[in-house]
C-alpha atoms as a PDB file:
ATOM      1  CA  MET A   1     106.231 157.973  16.911  1.00  0.00           C
ATOM      2  CA  LEU A   2     109.028 160.485  17.279  1.00  0.00           C
ATOM      3  CA  SER A   3     112.414 159.761  18.739  1.00  0.00           C
ATOM      4  CA  GLU A   4     113.727 161.655  21.752  1.00  0.00           C
ATOM      5  CA  GLU A   5     115.996 163.625  19.403  1.00  0.00           C
ATOM      6  CA  ASP A   6     113.073 164.619  17.143  1.00  0.00           C
ATOM      7  CA  ASP A   7     111.080 165.731  20.192  1.00  0.00           C
ATOM      8  CA  VAL A   8     113.923 167.985  21.338  1.00  0.00           C
ATOM      9  CA  ASP A   9     114.210 169.393  17.812  1.00  0.00           C
ATOM     10  CA  ILE A  10     110.523 170.282  17.468  1.00  0.00           C
ATOM     11  CA  HIS A  11     110.476 171.977  20.877  1.00  0.00           C
ATOM     12  CA  ALA A  12     113.588 173.982  19.936  1.00  0.00           C
ATOM     13  CA  LEU A  13     112.020 175.046  16.633  1.00  0.00           C
ATOM     14  CA  LYS A  14     108.841 176.142  18.458  1.00  0.00           C
ATOM     15  CA  ARG A  15     110.905 178.217  20.914  1.00  0.00           C
ATOM     16  CA  GLN A  16     112.521 179.899  17.904  1.00  0.00           C
ATOM     17  CA  GLY A  17     109.065 181.070  16.854  1.00  0.00           C
ATOM     18  CA  MET A  18     108.266 178.620  14.067  1.00  0.00           C
ATOM     19  CA  THR A  19     104.662 177.687  13.409  1.00  0.00           C
ATOM     20  CA  ILE A  20     103.440 174.114  13.643  1.00  0.00           C
ATOM     21  CA  SER A  21     103.103 173.996   9.832  1.00  0.00           C
ATOM     22  CA  GLU A  22     106.708 175.156   9.376  1.00  0.00           C
ATOM     23  CA  ILE A  23     107.970 172.588  11.887  1.00  0.00           C
ATOM     24  CA  ALA A  24     105.976 169.832  10.163  1.00  0.00           C
ATOM     25  CA  ARG A  25     107.416 170.703   6.758  1.00  0.00           C
ATOM     26  CA  ARG A  26     110.956 170.892   8.078  1.00  0.00           C
ATOM     27  CA  THR A  27     110.790 167.619  10.042  1.00  0.00           C
ATOM     28  CA  HIS A  28     108.623 165.700   7.518  1.00  0.00           C
ATOM     29  CA  HIS A  29     105.959 164.856  10.112  1.00  0.00           C
ATOM     30  CA  ASP A  30     102.230 165.557  10.104  1.00  0.00           C
ATOM     31  CA  ARG A  31     100.961 168.755  11.748  1.00  0.00           C
ATOM     32  CA  LYS A  32      98.759 166.708  14.098  1.00  0.00           C
ATOM     33  CA  THR A  33     101.781 164.735  15.259  1.00  0.00           C
ATOM     34  CA  ILE A  34     103.776 167.906  15.931  1.00  0.00           C
ATOM     35  CA  ARG A  35     100.859 169.460  17.804  1.00  0.00           C
ATOM     36  CA  ALA A  36     100.413 166.341  19.979  1.00  0.00           C
ATOM     37  CA  TYR A  37     104.085 166.266  20.997  1.00  0.00           C
ATOM     38  CA  LEU A  38     104.212 170.002  21.693  1.00  0.00           C
ATOM     39  CA  SER A  39     101.082 169.822  23.863  1.00  0.00           C
ATOM     40  CA  GLY A  40     102.397 166.827  25.814  1.00  0.00           C
ATOM     41  CA  LYS A  41      99.615 164.456  24.703  1.00  0.00           C
ATOM     42  CA  ARG A  42     102.241 162.098  23.269  1.00  0.00           C
ATOM     43  CA  ALA A  43     105.681 161.158  24.554  1.00  0.00           C
ATOM     44  CA  PRO A  44     108.770 160.326  22.500  1.00  0.00           C
ATOM     45  CA  GLY A  45     109.569 156.635  22.202  1.00  0.00           C
ATOM     46  CA  VAL A  46     106.087 155.512  23.319  1.00  0.00           C
ATOM     47  CA  ARG A  47     103.979 153.893  20.621  1.00  0.00           C
ATOM     48  CA  GLN A  48     100.205 154.228  20.865  1.00  0.00           C
ATOM     49  CA  ARG A  49      98.036 151.147  20.406  1.00  0.00           C
ATOM     50  CA  ALA A  50      96.389 150.930  17.000  1.00  0.00           C
ATOM     51  CA  THR A  51      93.100 149.763  18.512  1.00  0.00           C
ATOM     52  CA  PRO A  52      91.825 150.118  22.055  1.00  0.00           C
ATOM     53  CA  ASP A  53      91.572 147.083  24.322  1.00  0.00           C
ATOM     54  CA  SER A  54      88.228 145.313  24.172  1.00  0.00           C
ATOM     55  CA  CYS A  55      88.168 144.797  27.971  1.00  0.00           C
END
Protein backbone atom coordinates (compact mmCIF):
# COMPACT_ATOMS: atom_id res chain seq x y z
CA MET A 1 0.00 0.00 0.00
CA LEU A 2 1.28 3.43 -0.92
CA SER A 3 0.54 6.60 0.96
CA GLU A 4 -1.14 9.56 -0.72
CA GLU A 5 2.25 11.30 -0.82
CA ASP A 6 3.92 8.32 -2.53
CA ASP A 7 1.11 8.20 -5.10
CA VAL A 8 1.62 11.87 -5.95
CA ASP A 9 5.37 11.28 -6.23
CA ILE A 10 5.10 8.34 -8.64
CA HIS A 11 2.66 10.23 -10.87
CA ALA A 12 5.00 13.24 -10.92
CA LEU A 13 7.97 11.03 -11.82
CA LYS A 14 5.96 9.43 -14.66
CA ARG A 15 5.03 12.88 -16.01
CA GLN A 16 8.75 13.71 -16.02
CA GLY A 17 9.27 10.80 -18.41
CA MET A 18 10.67 8.17 -16.06
CA THR A 19 10.03 4.51 -16.80
CA ILE A 20 8.20 2.26 -14.37
CA SER A 21 11.49 0.48 -13.58
CA GLU A 22 13.21 3.79 -12.78
CA ILE A 23 10.33 4.88 -10.56
CA ALA A 24 10.36 1.52 -8.75
CA ARG A 25 14.09 1.76 -8.05
CA ARG A 26 13.85 5.34 -6.86
CA THR A 27 10.84 4.76 -4.58
CA HIS A 28 11.86 1.25 -3.38
CA HIS A 29 8.57 -0.32 -4.49
CA ASP A 30 7.92 -3.24 -6.83
CA ARG A 31 7.31 -2.52 -10.53
CA LYS A 32 3.91 -4.24 -10.33
CA THR A 33 2.88 -1.94 -7.49
CA ILE A 34 3.94 1.16 -9.42
CA ARG A 35 2.12 -0.03 -12.53
CA ALA A 36 -1.09 -0.71 -10.56
CA TYR A 37 -1.13 2.76 -9.01
CA LEU A 38 -0.34 4.50 -12.30
CA SER A 39 -3.12 2.61 -14.10
CA GLY A 40 -5.65 3.38 -11.36
CA LYS A 41 -6.22 -0.27 -10.38
CA ARG A 42 -5.16 0.55 -6.82
CA ALA A 43 -5.81 3.62 -4.69
CA PRO A 44 -3.52 5.15 -2.07
CA GLY A 45 -4.42 4.37 1.52
CA VAL A 46 -6.69 1.43 0.60
CA ARG A 47 -5.38 -1.98 1.60
CA GLN A 48 -6.41 -4.97 -0.50
CA ARG A 49 -7.67 -8.11 1.22
CA ALA A 50 -5.10 -10.89 1.39
CA THR A 51 -7.69 -13.53 0.51
CA PRO A 52 -11.05 -13.12 -1.18
CA ASP A 53 -14.26 -13.58 0.79
CA SER A 54 -15.60 -17.12 0.77
CA CYS A 55 -19.21 -15.90 0.33
